[in-house]
Amino acid sequence: MNLNGIVKRSRTNKNQNSTSHVAVDQEVDYISQVPDGILFYILSFLPFEYWIILGMVSRKWTYLLREAPILILDEDYILIKMARSQLRHTLPGEVSIIGRHKKNKSRYIKFVDRTLLVHSGCLIKLMYLNFEYEPNNQNDSMINNWVHFIMTRDIHDLVLNFSTNPKLNFELKFLAVKLTKSKSTYELLDMPYEPKFRGLTLNSCKFKASSFVAFSNLKSLHLSHVEVFDSSIGELVSKCPCLEDLHMDNCIVPESFFKCENDLKLKKLCLINCLTESWYMFEIDISAPELLSFLIRGKYLMTSTIRKATKLVDSMVYIEQEFSDFQQGNLLAKFLIGMKHCKILTLSSWCIQVLSTIDYVLSYQLRGLLTNLKELNLSIGCSKQELPGMVTILQSCPYLESLILEFDWIEDIYWMVDDRKVEHLPEVFHFEEEKYFETPKPYIRFLKNCLKDIQLKKYMGEENEIRIVKYLLQNALVLEDLVVYVNSSADIYSEWQNYFIEFDEEMNWQELRDLPKASTNVKLYVLEN
């Protein structure tokens, strides 16, 4: 919005016709006649510092500032704007950069204070506060006042970020975990309040839900780089009776945090790289009869069970690790048994490799167990160590309709006993890789009458990839679509890009077309990611 342009046009119109001349003399405020809903919509596209300038255009903006439903207080963005403005008007060496930064930060703090004061009686639909916390008595008192204001106001969705650089740092190396805690992490104080948030996001702080009376309206809770003091997920959820979505990313939790006997009402649970104080994984033993979506991503797997998950739709287990012991496959198999009702399942290459070593009893229990599973996503490198585990998981889903294989550069994990690397591969891998799918052929039930769709991502046409695809095509009797995705992203395999495209055009598609197919209705599609 060009304010100078508005003023100039008004003056020009004043000279050109009497109507405009009268309007200006009487100070007619045309903007005040625009409905509030449209003006709020305009405000949502403008940086917050421009809202003040708009008061020069119309008196109504002053009212709108107090009633604005979206409040963005981003320290990074505002300080950058201040610094750029000062650089244009400051001679070299006039003011030190450090001194200018401290002065601007002080101005930002006063700006937030004034803004919160103006909005003390307002309904706020979304509030975003990003502030790099530096512990000292003055800052602590100030932020405590901010948090007190926030917790006692009518705010629908709140995002609180207390650091642009996370204060919790992790270093993972084999079986050792080095955890560095910063004493400068801000801790939310105990407060006898009942905030009205529907959505809450906390980043880089310490948090204890049990210190609040309740979050009676909260449906979505996202914790990132947060140290959680509550003893268990049950204690956390008990303060949030309406909570449906819990997302925890790089959080520190107590040892038994994910153990709870009571039923949880969560519908979505996402756990990404969470740690305990002494280990980079944790046991899971929860009951979640309403759970629809579950995701766990980390460096290790321990004893894990999700009970009563009869409504589970989407489940993802993505472990990334260089090693494994011979118990990991059994632990994963038991975990999958607890998720037997899921309809969509995603597994990493590590998961597939450790499934190769499960014992006979669990292998028998898994076979044909995932009767609801319709879509299976596997991230694979097509290595020898993946083949037995791949067959195990394929045999567990008799009614699979869609199989998605994402090929990637993945190394074999190495096996350990008593913290020592095993020199020779386990006996389960004593077979000829080239003939694994030939004699005897593994029986996979869904290939006979269910599988309709195969998707290949990052397909390169390598020998091991062709071997797997060939087996699937030769046995999928009702297959309809074979979809191959070409990854055109420049930041992935950039050194292979030219060769990859040329190889696709000249050889890959024709080779896929020429593979023998059990179904006469197969159509080949080549799409870009």
Protein backbone atom coordinates (compact mmCIF):
# COMPACT_ATOMS: atom_id res chain seq x y z
CA MET A 1 0.00 0.00 0.00
CA ASN A 2 1.60 3.30 -1.16
CA LEU A 3 0.50 5.98 1.31
CA ASN A 4 2.25 8.77 -0.61
CA GLY A 5 0.36 7.78 -3.72
CA ILE A 6 -2.94 8.07 -1.86
CA VAL A 7 -2.12 11.59 -0.65
CA LYS A 8 -0.98 12.76 -4.09
CA ARG A 9 -4.08 11.42 -5.83
CA SER A 10 -6.30 13.12 -3.25
CA ARG A 11 -4.64 16.45 -3.92
CA THR A 12 -4.92 16.01 -7.69
CA ASN A 13 -8.60 15.17 -7.47
CA LYS A 14 -9.14 18.22 -5.27
CA ASN A 15 -7.87 20.45 -8.01
CA GLN A 16 -9.75 18.66 -10.76
CA ASN A 17 -13.34 18.61 -9.51
CA SER A 18 -15.47 20.18 -6.87
CA THR A 19 -16.76 16.87 -5.51
CA SER A 20 -13.32 15.79 -4.38
CA HIS A 21 -12.68 19.31 -3.07
CA VAL A 22 -15.71 19.10 -0.79
CA ALA A 23 -14.83 15.56 0.32
CA VAL A 24 -11.34 16.60 1.40
CA ASP A 25 -12.55 19.72 3.15
CA GLN A 26 -15.07 17.67 5.14
CA GLU A 27 -12.42 14.93 5.82
CA VAL A 28 -14.61 12.14 4.49
CA ASP A 29 -13.20 8.78 5.69
CA TYR A 30 -14.02 6.30 2.93
CA ILE A 31 -12.05 3.46 4.56
CA SER A 32 -14.31 3.60 7.61
CA GLN A 33 -17.17 2.52 5.36
CA VAL A 34 -15.41 -0.76 4.45
CA PRO A 35 -16.64 -3.76 6.49
CA ASP A 36 -14.33 -4.85 9.34
CA GLY A 37 -14.01 -8.34 7.89
CA ILE A 38 -12.38 -7.00 4.72
CA LEU A 39 -10.04 -4.71 6.66
CA PHE A 40 -8.96 -7.56 8.94
CA TYR A 41 -8.27 -9.61 5.81
CA ILE A 42 -6.03 -6.81 4.47
CA LEU A 43 -4.20 -6.61 7.81
CA SER A 44 -3.39 -10.32 7.71
CA PHE A 45 -1.14 -9.73 4.66
CA LEU A 46 0.86 -6.84 6.16
CA PRO A 47 3.86 -6.96 8.53
CA PHE A 48 2.87 -5.73 11.96
CA GLU A 49 5.06 -2.60 11.90
CA TYR A 50 3.00 -1.24 8.98
CA TRP A 51 -0.21 -1.40 10.99
CA ILE A 52 0.80 1.74 12.92
CA ILE A 53 1.41 3.64 9.68
CA LEU A 54 -2.10 2.84 8.54
CA GLY A 55 -3.46 5.09 11.29
CA MET A 56 -2.36 8.00 9.08
CA VAL A 57 -4.82 6.89 6.40
CA SER A 58 -7.95 6.39 8.47
CA ARG A 59 -9.05 6.79 12.09
CA LYS A 60 -10.71 3.39 11.89
CA TRP A 61 -7.33 1.63 11.79
CA THR A 62 -6.76 2.67 15.42
CA TYR A 63 -9.86 0.69 16.39
CA LEU A 64 -8.80 -2.24 14.22
CA LEU A 65 -5.38 -2.38 15.87
CA ARG A 66 -7.04 -3.02 19.20
CA GLU A 67 -9.37 -5.64 17.71
CA ALA A 68 -6.91 -7.36 15.34
CA PRO A 69 -7.37 -11.13 15.62
CA ILE A 70 -3.80 -11.96 14.50
CA LEU A 71 -0.79 -10.79 16.50
CA ILE A 72 2.72 -11.53 15.13
CA LEU A 73 5.62 -10.48 17.38
CA ASP A 74 8.72 -11.90 15.71
CA GLU A 75 11.95 -10.54 17.20
CA ASP A 76 14.10 -11.78 14.30
CA TYR A 77 11.98 -10.15 11.63
CA ILE A 78 11.54 -6.82 13.42
CA LEU A 79 15.21 -6.47 14.43
CA ILE A 80 16.31 -7.18 10.86
CA LYS A 81 13.95 -4.47 9.62
CA MET A 82 15.31 -2.04 12.20
CA ALA A 83 18.93 -2.84 11.29
CA ARG A 84 18.33 -2.40 7.55
CA SER A 85 16.61 0.92 8.12
CA GLN A 86 19.48 2.17 10.30
CA LEU A 87 22.16 1.07 7.83
CA ARG A 88 20.61 3.30 5.18
CA HIS A 89 20.88 6.35 7.46
CA THR A 90 24.06 5.69 9.45
CA LEU A 91 27.61 6.65 8.50
CA PRO A 92 30.28 3.89 8.70
CA GLY A 93 31.64 3.55 12.23
CA GLU A 94 29.08 5.91 13.74
CA VAL A 95 27.53 3.27 16.04
CA SER A 96 28.88 -0.19 16.84
CA ILE A 97 26.84 -3.12 15.57
CA ILE A 98 26.67 -4.66 19.07
CA GLY A 99 25.48 -1.41 20.61
CA ARG A 100 22.90 -0.94 17.89
CA HIS A 101 21.63 -4.49 18.37
CA LYS A 102 21.19 -3.97 22.14
CA LYS A 103 19.38 -0.72 21.54
CA ASN A 104 17.09 -2.31 18.95
CA LYS A 105 16.35 -5.22 21.25
CA SER A 106 15.37 -2.79 23.99
CA ARG A 107 13.08 -1.03 21.50
CA TYR A 108 11.56 -4.41 20.52
CA ILE A 109 10.85 -5.23 24.19
CA LYS A 110 9.09 -1.89 24.69
CA PHE A 111 7.20 -2.46 21.45
CA VAL A 112 5.92 -5.83 22.72
CA ASP A 113 4.95 -4.27 26.07
CA ARG A 114 2.92 -1.54 24.36
CA THR A 115 1.33 -3.98 21.93
CA LEU A 116 0.18 -6.32 24.68
CA LEU A 117 -1.18 -3.38 26.64
CA VAL A 118 -3.21 -2.21 23.63
CA HIS A 119 -4.64 -5.73 23.22
CA SER A 120 -5.40 -6.31 26.90
CA GLY A 121 -9.15 -6.62 26.33
CA CYS A 122 -9.17 -8.19 22.86
CA LEU A 123 -10.01 -11.58 21.39
CA ILE A 124 -6.87 -12.85 19.63
CA LYS A 125 -7.28 -15.69 17.15
CA LEU A 126 -3.54 -16.25 16.65
CA MET A 127 -0.59 -14.97 18.62
CA TYR A 128 3.01 -15.67 17.60
CA LEU A 129 5.79 -14.54 19.95
CA ASN A 130 9.38 -15.26 18.97
CA PHE A 131 11.95 -14.01 21.48
CA GLU A 132 15.54 -15.12 22.09
CA TYR A 133 15.65 -15.55 25.83
CA GLU A 134 18.76 -14.35 27.66
CA PRO A 135 18.52 -14.97 31.42
CA ASN A 136 18.83 -12.00 33.73
CA ASN A 137 16.59 -10.53 36.40
CA GLN A 138 15.18 -7.86 34.12
CA ASN A 139 14.37 -10.26 31.28
CA ASP A 140 12.90 -12.88 33.62
CA SER A 141 10.53 -10.36 35.17
CA MET A 142 9.54 -8.99 31.77
CA ILE A 143 8.87 -12.38 30.17
CA ASN A 144 6.98 -13.58 33.22
CA ASN A 145 4.70 -10.56 32.76
CA TRP A 146 4.26 -11.43 29.07
CA VAL A 147 3.44 -15.04 29.88
CA HIS A 148 1.01 -13.95 32.61
CA PHE A 149 -0.76 -11.73 30.08
CA ILE A 150 -0.89 -14.54 27.53
CA MET A 151 -2.19 -17.15 29.95
CA THR A 152 -5.02 -14.93 31.18
CA ARG A 153 -6.31 -13.62 27.83
CA ASP A 154 -8.74 -15.03 25.30
CA ILE A 155 -6.32 -16.46 22.70
CA HIS A 156 -7.35 -19.27 20.36
CA ASP A 157 -3.94 -20.35 18.99
CA LEU A 158 -0.61 -19.53 20.62
CA VAL A 159 2.98 -20.03 19.41
CA LEU A 160 5.74 -19.26 21.96
CA ASN A 161 9.34 -19.56 20.81
CA PHE A 162 11.93 -18.59 23.42
CA SER A 163 14.97 -19.09 21.25
CA THR A 164 15.94 -18.77 17.60
CA ASN A 165 18.80 -21.17 18.39
CA PRO A 166 17.63 -24.23 20.36
CA LYS A 167 19.13 -24.46 23.84
CA LEU A 168 19.03 -28.26 23.94
CA ASN A 169 21.85 -29.86 21.97
CA PHE A 170 22.25 -33.54 21.20
CA GLU A 171 25.27 -35.51 20.11
CA LEU A 172 24.62 -39.14 19.22
CA LYS A 173 27.49 -41.52 18.61
CA PHE A 174 26.94 -45.28 18.56
CA LEU A 175 25.70 -46.32 22.01
CA ALA A 176 26.86 -43.18 23.76
CA VAL A 177 24.69 -40.17 24.29
CA LYS A 178 26.02 -36.80 25.21
CA LEU A 179 23.27 -34.50 26.41
CA THR A 180 24.04 -30.86 27.05
CA LYS A 181 21.45 -28.87 28.95
CA SER A 182 21.64 -25.13 28.96
CA LYS A 183 20.83 -23.37 32.21
CA SER A 184 19.58 -20.48 30.11
CA THR A 185 16.42 -22.28 29.00
CA TYR A 186 13.29 -20.42 30.04
CA GLU A 187 10.94 -22.28 32.39
CA LEU A 188 7.21 -21.61 32.44
CA LEU A 189 6.32 -20.80 36.04
CA ASP A 190 3.61 -22.53 38.06
CA MET A 191 0.39 -20.70 37.35
CA PRO A 192 -3.07 -21.25 38.87
CA TYR A 193 -4.75 -20.44 35.56
CA GLU A 194 -6.95 -22.16 33.01
CA PRO A 195 -5.81 -20.89 29.58
CA LYS A 196 -8.37 -20.92 26.78
CA PHE A 197 -6.04 -22.01 23.97
CA ARG A 198 -7.28 -24.39 21.31
CA GLY A 199 -3.80 -24.82 19.88
CA LEU A 200 -0.49 -24.37 21.73
CA THR A 201 3.07 -24.54 20.37
CA LEU A 202 6.06 -24.23 22.72
CA ASN A 203 9.65 -24.07 21.53
CA SER A 204 12.88 -24.07 23.57
CA CYS A 205 11.64 -23.96 27.13
CA LYS A 206 10.85 -26.09 30.17
CA PHE A 207 7.26 -27.08 30.70
CA LYS A 208 5.07 -28.81 33.27
CA ALA A 209 1.39 -29.07 32.40
CA SER A 210 0.49 -30.21 35.90
CA SER A 211 1.44 -26.73 37.20
CA PHE A 212 -1.69 -25.33 35.53
CA VAL A 213 -5.27 -25.88 36.62
CA ALA A 214 -6.28 -27.17 33.19
CA PHE A 215 -6.18 -26.52 29.46
CA SER A 216 -9.88 -27.17 29.07
CA ASN A 217 -10.16 -26.17 25.37
CA LEU A 218 -6.79 -27.39 24.12
CA LYS A 219 -7.02 -29.75 21.12
CA SER A 220 -3.50 -29.49 19.66
CA LEU A 221 -0.20 -29.38 21.58
CA HIS A 222 3.14 -29.09 19.77
CA LEU A 223 6.34 -29.22 21.87
CA SER A 224 9.71 -28.65 20.17
CA HIS A 225 13.05 -28.67 22.03
CA VAL A 226 11.13 -28.68 25.29
CA GLU A 227 12.10 -30.36 28.55
CA VAL A 228 8.93 -31.90 29.97
CA PHE A 229 8.76 -32.29 33.74
CA ASP A 230 5.46 -34.19 33.96
CA SER A 231 5.97 -37.75 35.22
CA SER A 232 3.93 -39.41 32.46
CA ILE A 233 1.97 -38.73 29.33
CA GLY A 234 -1.13 -39.59 31.37
CA GLU A 235 -0.42 -36.71 33.75
CA LEU A 236 0.08 -34.36 30.80
CA VAL A 237 -3.11 -35.44 29.00
CA SER A 238 -5.17 -35.31 32.22
CA LYS A 239 -4.75 -31.52 32.18
CA CYS A 240 -6.03 -31.39 28.61
CA PRO A 241 -9.38 -33.24 28.49
CA CYS A 242 -10.03 -32.25 24.85
CA LEU A 243 -6.50 -32.93 23.56
CA GLU A 244 -6.50 -34.84 20.26
CA ASP A 245 -3.14 -34.01 18.66
CA LEU A 246 0.18 -34.32 20.54
CA HIS A 247 3.38 -33.60 18.62
CA MET A 248 6.76 -33.83 20.41
CA ASP A 249 9.92 -32.95 18.52
CA ASN A 250 13.42 -33.22 20.06
CA CYS A 251 12.02 -33.14 23.59
CA ILE A 252 13.52 -34.46 26.82
CA VAL A 253 11.15 -36.59 28.89
CA PRO A 254 11.41 -38.68 32.09
CA GLU A 255 12.35 -42.35 31.76
CA SER A 256 8.79 -43.69 32.14
CA PHE A 257 6.99 -40.80 30.48
CA PHE A 258 5.34 -42.92 27.77
CA LYS A 259 3.93 -45.49 30.19
CA CYS A 260 0.28 -45.09 31.16
CA GLU A 261 -2.37 -47.61 32.19
CA ASN A 262 -5.36 -45.33 31.59
CA ASP A 263 -6.93 -44.89 28.17
CA LEU A 264 -5.71 -41.81 26.31
CA LYS A 265 -8.16 -39.90 24.10
CA LEU A 266 -5.46 -38.85 21.64
CA LYS A 267 -6.25 -39.15 17.95
CA LYS A 268 -2.79 -38.21 16.66
CA LEU A 269 0.56 -38.90 18.34
CA CYS A 270 3.84 -37.83 16.73
CA LEU A 271 7.22 -38.48 18.43
CA ILE A 272 10.35 -37.27 16.62
CA ASN A 273 13.85 -37.73 18.06
CA CYS A 274 12.73 -37.50 21.68
CA LEU A 275 15.17 -38.49 24.44
CA THR A 276 15.27 -39.26 28.12
CA GLU A 277 17.91 -37.78 30.39
CA SER A 278 20.15 -40.82 29.99
CA TRP A 279 19.20 -42.49 26.69
CA TYR A 280 18.06 -41.59 23.21
CA MET A 281 14.96 -43.77 23.23
CA PHE A 282 12.24 -44.82 25.67
CA GLU A 283 9.74 -47.55 26.35
CA ILE A 284 6.17 -47.08 25.16
CA ASP A 285 3.23 -48.72 26.90
CA ILE A 286 0.00 -46.81 26.34
CA SER A 287 -3.65 -47.51 25.65
CA ALA A 288 -5.14 -45.33 22.88
CA PRO A 289 -8.57 -46.54 21.71
CA GLU A 290 -9.21 -43.30 19.74
CA LEU A 291 -5.81 -43.15 18.02
CA LEU A 292 -5.99 -42.54 14.26
CA SER A 293 -2.40 -41.60 13.41
CA PHE A 294 0.90 -42.58 15.02
CA LEU A 295 4.46 -41.64 14.04
CA ILE A 296 7.70 -42.44 15.78
CA ARG A 297 11.10 -41.42 14.47
CA GLY A 298 14.35 -41.88 16.31
CA LYS A 299 17.67 -43.67 16.70
CA TYR A 300 16.65 -46.78 18.59
CA LEU A 301 13.69 -48.93 19.52
CA MET A 302 12.83 -50.29 22.95
CA THR A 303 9.93 -52.37 24.25
CA SER A 304 6.86 -50.68 22.83
CA THR A 305 3.16 -51.47 22.93
CA ILE A 306 0.09 -49.52 21.90
CA ARG A 307 -3.04 -51.18 23.25
CA LYS A 308 -6.63 -50.94 22.01
CA ALA A 309 -5.63 -49.05 18.85
CA THR A 310 -8.57 -50.46 16.92
CA LYS A 311 -9.23 -47.24 14.95
CA LEU A 312 -5.66 -46.74 13.77
CA VAL A 313 -5.45 -45.54 10.18
CA ASP A 314 -1.89 -44.33 9.59
CA SER A 315 1.26 -45.60 11.30
CA MET A 316 4.92 -44.82 10.68
CA VAL A 317 8.00 -46.35 12.35
CA TYR A 318 11.16 -44.71 11.04
CA ILE A 319 14.34 -45.71 12.86
CA GLU A 320 17.69 -44.54 11.46
CA GLN A 321 20.69 -46.29 12.98
CA GLU A 322 23.95 -47.86 11.84
CA PHE A 323 23.74 -50.95 14.04
CA SER A 324 21.35 -53.38 15.71
CA ASP A 325 21.38 -56.24 18.16
CA PHE A 326 19.39 -59.42 17.61
CA GLN A 327 16.53 -58.33 19.89
CA GLN A 328 15.49 -55.32 17.86
CA GLY A 329 13.62 -57.40 15.27
CA ASN A 330 11.57 -59.11 17.98
CA LEU A 331 10.75 -55.77 19.64
CA LEU A 332 9.61 -54.31 16.33
CA ALA A 333 7.51 -57.40 15.55
CA LYS A 334 5.71 -57.12 18.90
CA PHE A 335 5.13 -53.42 18.22
CA LEU A 336 3.60 -54.20 14.82
CA ILE A 337 1.33 -56.81 16.42
CA GLY A 338 -0.08 -54.03 18.63
CA MET A 339 -0.76 -51.95 15.50
CA LYS A 340 -2.48 -54.74 13.60
CA HIS A 341 -5.56 -52.60 12.85
CA CYS A 342 -3.74 -49.90 10.85
CA LYS A 343 -4.61 -49.28 7.21
CA ILE A 344 -1.44 -47.44 6.11
CA LEU A 345 2.04 -48.43 7.31
CA THR A 346 5.45 -46.85 6.65
CA LEU A 347 8.75 -48.49 7.60
CA SER A 348 12.39 -47.45 7.20
CA SER A 349 15.17 -49.67 5.85
CA TRP A 350 16.44 -50.28 9.40
CA CYS A 351 13.05 -51.72 10.35
CA ILE A 352 13.04 -54.01 7.33
CA GLN A 353 16.55 -55.26 8.03
CA VAL A 354 15.92 -56.08 11.70
CA LEU A 355 12.71 -57.94 10.79
CA SER A 356 14.97 -60.41 9.01
CA THR A 357 16.18 -61.73 12.37
CA ILE A 358 12.89 -62.25 14.27
CA ASP A 359 12.34 -65.65 15.84
CA TYR A 360 10.05 -68.29 14.35
CA VAL A 361 7.15 -67.78 16.81
CA LEU A 362 6.86 -64.05 16.11
CA SER A 363 7.26 -64.63 12.39
CA TYR A 364 4.35 -67.05 12.53
CA GLN A 365 2.22 -64.57 14.54
CA LEU A 366 2.89 -61.79 12.05
CA ARG A 367 1.99 -63.83 8.97
CA GLY A 368 -1.39 -62.65 7.68
CA LEU A 369 -1.98 -60.52 10.81
CA LEU A 370 -2.35 -57.05 9.24
CA THR A 371 -5.71 -57.76 7.62
CA ASN A 372 -6.75 -54.07 7.51
CA LEU A 373 -3.56 -52.88 5.82
CA LYS A 374 -4.28 -51.41 2.37
CA GLU A 375 -1.15 -49.32 1.75
CA LEU A 376 2.46 -50.19 2.60
CA ASN A 377 5.37 -47.73 2.24
CA LEU A 378 8.90 -49.12 2.40
CA SER A 379 12.14 -47.13 2.25
CA ILE A 380 14.72 -49.56 0.88
CA GLY A 381 18.17 -49.79 -0.63
CA CYS A 382 17.51 -53.22 -2.18
CA SER A 383 20.38 -54.79 -0.23
CA LYS A 384 20.70 -58.46 0.66
CA GLN A 385 19.98 -57.78 4.34
CA GLU A 386 16.57 -56.33 3.48
CA LEU A 387 15.21 -59.28 1.49
CA PRO A 388 14.10 -61.64 4.32
CA GLY A 389 12.55 -58.77 6.29
CA MET A 390 10.80 -57.48 3.19
CA VAL A 391 9.20 -60.87 2.60
CA THR A 392 8.20 -61.04 6.29
CA ILE A 393 6.31 -57.75 6.16
CA LEU A 394 4.76 -58.52 2.76
CA GLN A 395 3.46 -61.86 4.06
CA SER A 396 1.86 -60.10 7.04
CA CYS A 397 -0.62 -58.03 4.94
CA PRO A 398 -2.85 -60.42 2.93
CA TYR A 399 -5.18 -57.75 1.51
CA LEU A 400 -2.69 -55.08 0.44
CA GLU A 401 -3.85 -52.93 -2.48
CA SER A 402 -1.03 -50.37 -2.84
CA LEU A 403 2.72 -50.96 -2.44
CA ILE A 404 5.08 -47.95 -2.45
CA LEU A 405 8.83 -48.57 -2.68
CA GLU A 406 11.17 -45.62 -2.17
CA PHE A 407 14.67 -46.56 -3.31
CA ASP A 408 17.55 -44.76 -1.64
CA TRP A 409 21.27 -44.99 -0.96
CA ILE A 410 21.09 -46.98 2.27
CA GLU A 411 23.93 -48.92 3.85
CA ASP A 412 23.54 -52.27 5.58
CA ILE A 413 23.37 -52.09 9.36
CA TYR A 414 26.00 -54.03 11.27
CA TRP A 415 25.07 -56.51 14.00
CA MET A 416 26.25 -56.44 17.59
CA VAL A 417 26.48 -58.88 20.48
CA ASP A 418 27.50 -57.56 23.91
CA ASP A 419 28.38 -54.18 22.37
CA ARG A 420 30.73 -55.82 19.90
CA LYS A 421 30.37 -56.02 16.15
CA VAL A 422 29.66 -59.50 14.77
CA GLU A 423 32.32 -60.52 12.26
CA HIS A 424 30.04 -62.74 10.16
CA LEU A 425 26.47 -62.14 9.04
CA PRO A 426 23.72 -64.04 10.90
CA GLU A 427 22.69 -67.38 9.39
CA VAL A 428 19.45 -65.94 8.02
CA PHE A 429 21.51 -64.12 5.37
CA HIS A 430 23.25 -67.25 4.10
CA PHE A 431 21.62 -67.40 0.67
CA GLU A 432 22.40 -66.43 -2.92
CA GLU A 433 21.09 -62.93 -3.38
CA GLU A 434 20.52 -63.30 -7.14
CA LYS A 435 18.28 -66.35 -6.70
CA TYR A 436 16.34 -65.28 -3.61
CA PHE A 437 13.07 -64.71 -5.52
CA GLU A 438 13.44 -67.77 -7.74
CA THR A 439 13.48 -71.10 -5.92
CA PRO A 440 11.58 -71.61 -3.77
CA LYS A 441 9.44 -68.57 -4.45
CA PRO A 442 8.09 -66.91 -1.27
CA TYR A 443 4.29 -66.99 -1.16
CA ILE A 444 2.78 -63.54 -0.79
CA ARG A 445 -1.00 -63.70 -0.69
CA PHE A 446 -2.00 -60.18 -1.75
CA LEU A 447 -0.23 -60.62 -5.10
CA LYS A 448 -2.87 -63.13 -6.18
CA ASN A 449 -6.04 -61.09 -5.89
CA CYS A 450 -5.54 -57.70 -4.17
CA LEU A 451 -2.53 -55.63 -5.31
CA LYS A 452 -3.67 -53.02 -7.83
CA ASP A 453 -1.02 -50.31 -7.54
CA ILE A 454 2.80 -50.30 -7.35
CA GLN A 455 4.67 -47.01 -7.00
CA LEU A 456 8.43 -46.72 -7.45
CA LYS A 457 10.16 -43.60 -6.13
CA LYS A 458 13.78 -42.64 -6.99
CA TYR A 459 13.93 -45.64 -9.29
CA MET A 460 17.34 -45.98 -10.99
CA GLY A 461 16.95 -49.28 -12.80
CA GLU A 462 19.76 -50.99 -10.91
CA GLU A 463 20.05 -54.75 -10.86
CA ASN A 464 18.65 -55.29 -7.38
CA GLU A 465 15.76 -52.92 -8.04
CA ILE A 466 14.87 -54.72 -11.28
CA ARG A 467 15.00 -58.07 -9.49
CA ILE A 468 12.39 -57.00 -6.91
CA VAL A 469 10.12 -55.26 -9.44
CA LYS A 470 10.34 -58.27 -11.75
CA TYR A 471 9.16 -60.62 -9.00
CA LEU A 472 6.22 -58.37 -8.16
CA LEU A 473 5.12 -57.99 -11.79
CA GLN A 474 5.38 -61.72 -12.46
CA ASN A 475 3.08 -62.54 -9.55
CA ALA A 476 0.62 -59.61 -9.28
CA LEU A 477 -2.40 -61.08 -11.08
CA VAL A 478 -4.75 -58.08 -10.81
CA LEU A 479 -2.22 -55.23 -10.98
CA GLU A 480 -3.54 -52.15 -12.79
CA ASP A 481 -0.98 -49.34 -12.35
CA LEU A 482 2.81 -49.21 -12.23
CA VAL A 483 3.79 -45.63 -11.38
CA VAL A 484 7.43 -44.52 -11.56
CA TYR A 485 8.38 -41.16 -10.05
CA VAL A 486 11.33 -39.25 -11.46
CA ASN A 487 13.00 -37.06 -8.87
CA SER A 488 13.90 -33.82 -10.63
CA SER A 489 15.06 -32.00 -7.50
CA ALA A 490 18.49 -30.47 -8.03
CA ASP A 491 19.59 -30.94 -4.42
CA ILE A 492 19.19 -34.73 -4.43
CA TYR A 493 21.75 -36.78 -6.32
CA SER A 494 22.76 -33.66 -8.24
CA GLU A 495 25.93 -35.36 -9.45
CA TRP A 496 23.78 -38.13 -10.97
CA GLN A 497 21.14 -35.88 -12.49
CA ASN A 498 22.18 -35.77 -16.15
CA TYR A 499 22.98 -39.46 -16.24
CA PHE A 500 19.76 -40.29 -14.42
CA ILE A 501 17.51 -38.52 -16.93
CA GLU A 502 19.40 -39.93 -19.93
CA PHE A 503 19.30 -43.43 -18.45
CA ASP A 504 15.55 -43.16 -17.89
CA GLU A 505 14.84 -42.09 -21.45
CA GLU A 506 16.98 -44.68 -23.22
CA MET A 507 16.73 -47.80 -21.10
CA ASN A 508 14.59 -47.79 -17.96
CA TRP A 509 11.11 -47.43 -19.39
CA GLN A 510 11.62 -49.92 -22.16
CA GLU A 511 13.12 -52.40 -19.73
CA LEU A 512 10.12 -52.06 -17.43
CA ARG A 513 7.74 -52.48 -20.35
CA ASP A 514 9.55 -55.64 -21.44
CA LEU A 515 9.39 -57.34 -18.02
CA PRO A 516 6.95 -60.26 -17.98
CA LYS A 517 3.68 -59.37 -16.26
CA ALA A 518 1.03 -61.63 -14.79
CA SER A 519 -1.67 -59.01 -15.29
CA THR A 520 -2.71 -57.98 -18.80
CA ASN A 521 -4.13 -54.64 -17.58
CA VAL A 522 -0.96 -53.03 -16.29
CA LYS A 523 -0.41 -49.40 -17.30
CA LEU A 524 2.96 -47.69 -16.86
CA TYR A 525 2.99 -44.05 -15.72
CA VAL A 526 6.10 -41.85 -15.45
CA LEU A 527 5.59 -38.81 -13.20
CA GLU A 528 7.77 -36.15 -11.61
CA ASN A 529 8.03 -35.95 -7.85
